Structure formats: C-alpha cells, structure tokens
Amino acid sequence: MLLSNPDKLAGVLRNTVLVLALQVGPVAAGSTGEAVMRAVIETQLTAFGNGDAETAYAQASPQIRSIFPTTEVFMGMVRAGYAALIGPRGVTFLGLVQGTEPPVYRVLVEGLGGRRWIAQYQMSKQPGGQWLIGGCVLVRLAGEST
C-alpha cells in the first residue's frame, strides 16, 4: 500500500503540495495573519524537535491529514522527506512571499548536518479563520551539497 512506504509518502506530499483549501483573500506582510502563520509553523517545528507527533500533526491542514491519515504515517513522511525540519540547528523566519495566493511563508532552516534549506510553507485558511499548514517545499540553497 502506498501509505506504508515513507519514501513514496514523501513523493506524494511533494506532488500534492498544491492541494489546499480555498483561500479568502491575500494576507499583507506584517499583518496579524502573518504572525499567526509564523506561530503555527513555530509550533510544528518545536513539536518535531520534541518528538511530539500529535502537536506537529495538528498544525497540518485537513487536506494534508487526508493524505497522511495518522500521526505515524505523517511522521514517516516527515522523516523520509523533511528530516531537516526535525530539530534543526537554526531557524530564521523570512516572512511571507508577496503576491502569492495561497500565502507562502519562507523559513531558512539549517539542518543538523549544516546544510541550509528554504522551507516554503503554503498556508491554508480554514472555514473558521484558523491558519494551518497546507504544504511545504524544501529547497536546498545553491552551493549546498547533498
């Protein structure tokens, strides 16, 4: 079954990163919405570092949770394709990319091995107004080795 293989799970997430909830208008940089999005991302990164799968999973949108239906499956995908996000050496919040819909929040991540990545979090606004993570694309910085 597809969901039992972490490598395939990571591929599924990368291929479905645009599976997002319908958004309600753009969010301006420096807005309350931006601060809330940052807090959601911070909560998930902290949870990854603490081994708190439940809290990390709770920051994912319903669309992501439908693809990865349990915390175990979700964390398997994270370990297979997003290991840099688990207990990184350093994190710098770069803010929202202007003019994107849905909003994309960029974070500079330095993994434990010293490699640096830009994590591009696509945010998903829920019907009640809550922001959750609708996807994440990791882009290795130019000049970084594999």
C-alpha atoms as a PDB file:
ATOM      1  CA  MET A   1       0.000   0.000   0.000  1.00  0.00           C
ATOM      2  CA  LEU A   2       1.283   3.472  -0.883  1.00  0.00           C
ATOM      3  CA  LEU A   3       0.871   4.921   2.604  1.00  0.00           C
ATOM      4  CA  SER A   4       3.098   2.257   4.176  1.00  0.00           C
ATOM      5  CA  ASN A   5       6.259   3.372   2.323  1.00  0.00           C
ATOM      6  CA  PRO A   6       7.819   6.600   3.735  1.00  0.00           C
ATOM      7  CA  ASP A   7       9.741   7.342   0.509  1.00  0.00           C
ATOM      8  CA  LYS A   8       6.562   7.121  -1.541  1.00  0.00           C
ATOM      9  CA  LEU A   9       4.760   9.215   1.082  1.00  0.00           C
ATOM     10  CA  ALA A  10       7.318  11.981   0.717  1.00  0.00           C
ATOM     11  CA  GLY A  11       6.817  11.857  -3.048  1.00  0.00           C
ATOM     12  CA  VAL A  12       3.057  12.034  -2.641  1.00  0.00           C
ATOM     13  CA  LEU A  13       3.359  15.124  -0.461  1.00  0.00           C
ATOM     14  CA  ARG A  14       5.715  16.824  -2.880  1.00  0.00           C
ATOM     15  CA  ASN A  15       3.352  16.058  -5.745  1.00  0.00           C
ATOM     16  CA  THR A  16       0.287  17.212  -3.843  1.00  0.00           C
ATOM     17  CA  VAL A  17       1.709  20.248  -2.105  1.00  0.00           C
ATOM     18  CA  LEU A  18      -0.780  22.398  -4.009  1.00  0.00           C
ATOM     19  CA  VAL A  19      -3.744  20.534  -2.536  1.00  0.00           C
ATOM     20  CA  LEU A  20      -5.026  23.411  -0.452  1.00  0.00           C
ATOM     21  CA  ALA A  21      -8.220  24.840   0.919  1.00  0.00           C
ATOM     22  CA  LEU A  22      -9.831  27.729  -0.939  1.00  0.00           C
ATOM     23  CA  GLN A  23      -8.287  30.909   0.441  1.00  0.00           C
ATOM     24  CA  VAL A  24     -10.073  34.090   1.426  1.00  0.00           C
ATOM     25  CA  GLY A  25      -8.038  36.975   0.009  1.00  0.00           C
ATOM     26  CA  PRO A  26      -4.352  37.825   0.301  1.00  0.00           C
ATOM     27  CA  VAL A  27      -2.563  38.478   3.575  1.00  0.00           C
ATOM     28  CA  ALA A  28      -0.391  41.568   3.900  1.00  0.00           C
ATOM     29  CA  ALA A  29       3.152  41.233   5.229  1.00  0.00           C
ATOM     30  CA  GLY A  30       3.374  42.381   8.829  1.00  0.00           C
ATOM     31  CA  SER A  31      -0.284  41.625   9.450  1.00  0.00           C
ATOM     32  CA  THR A  32      -1.816  39.707  12.327  1.00  0.00           C
ATOM     33  CA  GLY A  33      -2.351  36.867   9.862  1.00  0.00           C
ATOM     34  CA  GLU A  34       1.381  36.708   9.194  1.00  0.00           C
ATOM     35  CA  ALA A  35       2.123  36.489  12.926  1.00  0.00           C
ATOM     36  CA  VAL A  36      -0.429  33.707  13.331  1.00  0.00           C
ATOM     37  CA  MET A  37       1.077  31.788  10.398  1.00  0.00           C
ATOM     38  CA  ARG A  38       4.541  32.101  11.912  1.00  0.00           C
ATOM     39  CA  ALA A  39       3.219  30.794  15.241  1.00  0.00           C
ATOM     40  CA  VAL A  40       1.693  27.740  13.518  1.00  0.00           C
ATOM     41  CA  ILE A  41       4.997  26.975  11.780  1.00  0.00           C
ATOM     42  CA  GLU A  42       6.961  27.538  15.012  1.00  0.00           C
ATOM     43  CA  THR A  43       4.598  25.224  16.877  1.00  0.00           C
ATOM     44  CA  GLN A  44       5.110  22.471  14.320  1.00  0.00           C
ATOM     45  CA  LEU A  45       8.906  22.857  14.236  1.00  0.00           C
ATOM     46  CA  THR A  46       9.073  22.792  18.039  1.00  0.00           C
ATOM     47  CA  ALA A  47       6.855  19.718  18.108  1.00  0.00           C
ATOM     48  CA  PHE A  48       9.090  17.957  15.564  1.00  0.00           C
ATOM     49  CA  GLY A  49      12.128  18.713  17.730  1.00  0.00           C
ATOM     50  CA  ASN A  50      10.391  17.471  20.877  1.00  0.00           C
ATOM     51  CA  GLY A  51       9.122  14.286  19.253  1.00  0.00           C
ATOM     52  CA  ASP A  52       5.527  15.474  19.765  1.00  0.00           C
ATOM     53  CA  ALA A  53       3.854  13.937  16.718  1.00  0.00           C
ATOM     54  CA  GLU A  54       0.320  14.846  17.837  1.00  0.00           C
ATOM     55  CA  THR A  55       1.054  18.576  18.054  1.00  0.00           C
ATOM     56  CA  ALA A  56       3.033  18.557  14.798  1.00  0.00           C
ATOM     57  CA  TYR A  57       0.190  16.746  13.026  1.00  0.00           C
ATOM     58  CA  ALA A  58      -2.398  19.159  14.443  1.00  0.00           C
ATOM     59  CA  GLN A  59      -0.721  22.035  12.544  1.00  0.00           C
ATOM     60  CA  ALA A  60      -1.382  20.316   9.190  1.00  0.00           C
ATOM     61  CA  SER A  61      -4.460  21.186   7.160  1.00  0.00           C
ATOM     62  CA  PRO A  62      -7.310  18.696   6.722  1.00  0.00           C
ATOM     63  CA  GLN A  63      -6.117  18.146   3.144  1.00  0.00           C
ATOM     64  CA  ILE A  64      -2.687  17.028   4.360  1.00  0.00           C
ATOM     65  CA  ARG A  65      -4.240  14.906   7.108  1.00  0.00           C
ATOM     66  CA  SER A  66      -6.424  13.190   4.491  1.00  0.00           C
ATOM     67  CA  ILE A  67      -3.297  12.177   2.562  1.00  0.00           C
ATOM     68  CA  PHE A  68      -1.443  11.126   5.730  1.00  0.00           C
ATOM     69  CA  PRO A  69      -4.306   9.830   7.901  1.00  0.00           C
ATOM     70  CA  THR A  70      -2.378   9.026  11.112  1.00  0.00           C
ATOM     71  CA  THR A  71       0.414  10.667  13.072  1.00  0.00           C
ATOM     72  CA  GLU A  72       2.604   7.641  12.356  1.00  0.00           C
ATOM     73  CA  VAL A  73       2.126   7.917   8.596  1.00  0.00           C
ATOM     74  CA  PHE A  74       2.611  11.696   8.748  1.00  0.00           C
ATOM     75  CA  MET A  75       5.815  11.446  10.777  1.00  0.00           C
ATOM     76  CA  GLY A  76       7.126   8.708   8.482  1.00  0.00           C
ATOM     77  CA  MET A  77       6.713  11.107   5.570  1.00  0.00           C
ATOM     78  CA  VAL A  78       8.433  13.908   7.519  1.00  0.00           C
ATOM     79  CA  ARG A  79      11.390  11.690   8.482  1.00  0.00           C
ATOM     80  CA  ALA A  80      11.744  10.447   4.878  1.00  0.00           C
ATOM     81  CA  GLY A  81      11.469  13.749   3.034  1.00  0.00           C
ATOM     82  CA  TYR A  82      11.748  16.593   5.528  1.00  0.00           C
ATOM     83  CA  ALA A  83      14.404  15.481   8.038  1.00  0.00           C
ATOM     84  CA  ALA A  84      15.926  18.987   8.016  1.00  0.00           C
ATOM     85  CA  LEU A  85      12.811  20.196   9.856  1.00  0.00           C
ATOM     86  CA  ILE A  86      13.298  17.795  12.777  1.00  0.00           C
ATOM     87  CA  GLY A  87      15.404  19.531  15.424  1.00  0.00           C
ATOM     88  CA  PRO A  88      17.248  21.907  13.077  1.00  0.00           C
ATOM     89  CA  ARG A  89      20.416  23.665  14.227  1.00  0.00           C
ATOM     90  CA  GLY A  90      18.949  27.033  13.276  1.00  0.00           C
ATOM     91  CA  VAL A  91      15.723  28.608  12.023  1.00  0.00           C
ATOM     92  CA  THR A  92      15.224  32.109  10.607  1.00  0.00           C
ATOM     93  CA  PHE A  93      11.708  33.265   9.740  1.00  0.00           C
ATOM     94  CA  LEU A  94      11.897  35.238   6.499  1.00  0.00           C
ATOM     95  CA  GLY A  95       8.221  36.149   6.207  1.00  0.00           C
ATOM     96  CA  LEU A  96       5.559  35.986   3.563  1.00  0.00           C
ATOM     97  CA  VAL A  97       6.295  35.942  -0.140  1.00  0.00           C
ATOM     98  CA  GLN A  98       4.479  38.965  -1.527  1.00  0.00           C
ATOM     99  CA  GLY A  99       1.658  38.455  -4.005  1.00  0.00           C
ATOM    100  CA  THR A 100       1.159  34.732  -3.509  1.00  0.00           C
ATOM    101  CA  GLU A 101      -2.216  33.113  -3.141  1.00  0.00           C
ATOM    102  CA  PRO A 102      -2.465  30.990  -1.102  1.00  0.00           C
ATOM    103  CA  PRO A 103       0.062  32.656   1.204  1.00  0.00           C
ATOM    104  CA  VAL A 104       3.585  31.229   1.224  1.00  0.00           C
ATOM    105  CA  TYR A 105       5.743  31.755   4.322  1.00  0.00           C
ATOM    106  CA  ARG A 106       9.501  31.264   3.879  1.00  0.00           C
ATOM    107  CA  VAL A 107      11.781  29.927   6.592  1.00  0.00           C
ATOM    108  CA  LEU A 108      15.562  29.466   6.408  1.00  0.00           C
ATOM    109  CA  VAL A 109      16.470  26.160   8.075  1.00  0.00           C
ATOM    110  CA  GLU A 110      19.939  24.905   8.932  1.00  0.00           C
ATOM    111  CA  GLY A 111      19.844  21.160   9.355  1.00  0.00           C
ATOM    112  CA  LEU A 112      21.909  19.224  11.868  1.00  0.00           C
ATOM    113  CA  GLY A 113      24.417  18.377   9.132  1.00  0.00           C
ATOM    114  CA  GLY A 114      24.978  22.083   8.416  1.00  0.00           C
ATOM    115  CA  ARG A 115      23.059  22.109   5.124  1.00  0.00           C
ATOM    116  CA  ARG A 116      20.779  25.091   4.642  1.00  0.00           C
ATOM    117  CA  TRP A 117      17.328  24.989   3.137  1.00  0.00           C
ATOM    118  CA  ILE A 118      14.478  27.351   2.394  1.00  0.00           C
ATOM    119  CA  ALA A 119      11.233  25.833   3.631  1.00  0.00           C
ATOM    120  CA  GLN A 120       8.314  27.328   1.711  1.00  0.00           C
ATOM    121  CA  TYR A 121       5.163  26.751   3.744  1.00  0.00           C
ATOM    122  CA  GLN A 122       1.905  27.069   1.861  1.00  0.00           C
ATOM    123  CA  MET A 123      -0.677  28.158   4.376  1.00  0.00           C
ATOM    124  CA  SER A 124      -4.319  27.143   4.334  1.00  0.00           C
ATOM    125  CA  LYS A 125      -7.058  29.270   5.905  1.00  0.00           C
ATOM    126  CA  GLN A 126      -9.783  27.132   7.422  1.00  0.00           C
ATOM    127  CA  PRO A 127     -13.513  27.996   7.373  1.00  0.00           C
ATOM    128  CA  GLY A 128     -13.348  29.219  10.992  1.00  0.00           C
ATOM    129  CA  GLY A 129     -10.420  31.523  10.174  1.00  0.00           C
ATOM    130  CA  GLN A 130      -7.648  29.321  11.623  1.00  0.00           C
ATOM    131  CA  TRP A 131      -4.401  29.075   9.649  1.00  0.00           C
ATOM    132  CA  LEU A 132      -2.856  25.628   9.150  1.00  0.00           C
ATOM    133  CA  ILE A 133      -0.001  24.291   7.042  1.00  0.00           C
ATOM    134  CA  GLY A 134      -1.239  23.212   3.618  1.00  0.00           C
ATOM    135  CA  GLY A 135       2.125  22.039   2.315  1.00  0.00           C
ATOM    136  CA  CYS A 136       5.856  22.585   2.489  1.00  0.00           C
ATOM    137  CA  VAL A 137       8.512  22.571  -0.186  1.00  0.00           C
ATOM    138  CA  LEU A 138      12.155  22.317   0.892  1.00  0.00           C
ATOM    139  CA  VAL A 139      14.624  23.965  -1.463  1.00  0.00           C
ATOM    140  CA  ARG A 140      18.328  23.410  -0.795  1.00  0.00           C
ATOM    141  CA  LEU A 141      20.285  26.641  -1.064  1.00  0.00           C
ATOM    142  CA  ALA A 142      22.596  26.973  -4.052  1.00  0.00           C
ATOM    143  CA  GLY A 143      26.056  25.634  -3.369  1.00  0.00           C
ATOM    144  CA  GLU A 144      24.860  23.229  -0.683  1.00  0.00           C
ATOM    145  CA  SER A 145      25.963  19.634  -1.183  1.00  0.00           C
ATOM    146  CA  THR A 146      23.597  16.691  -0.979  1.00  0.00           C
END
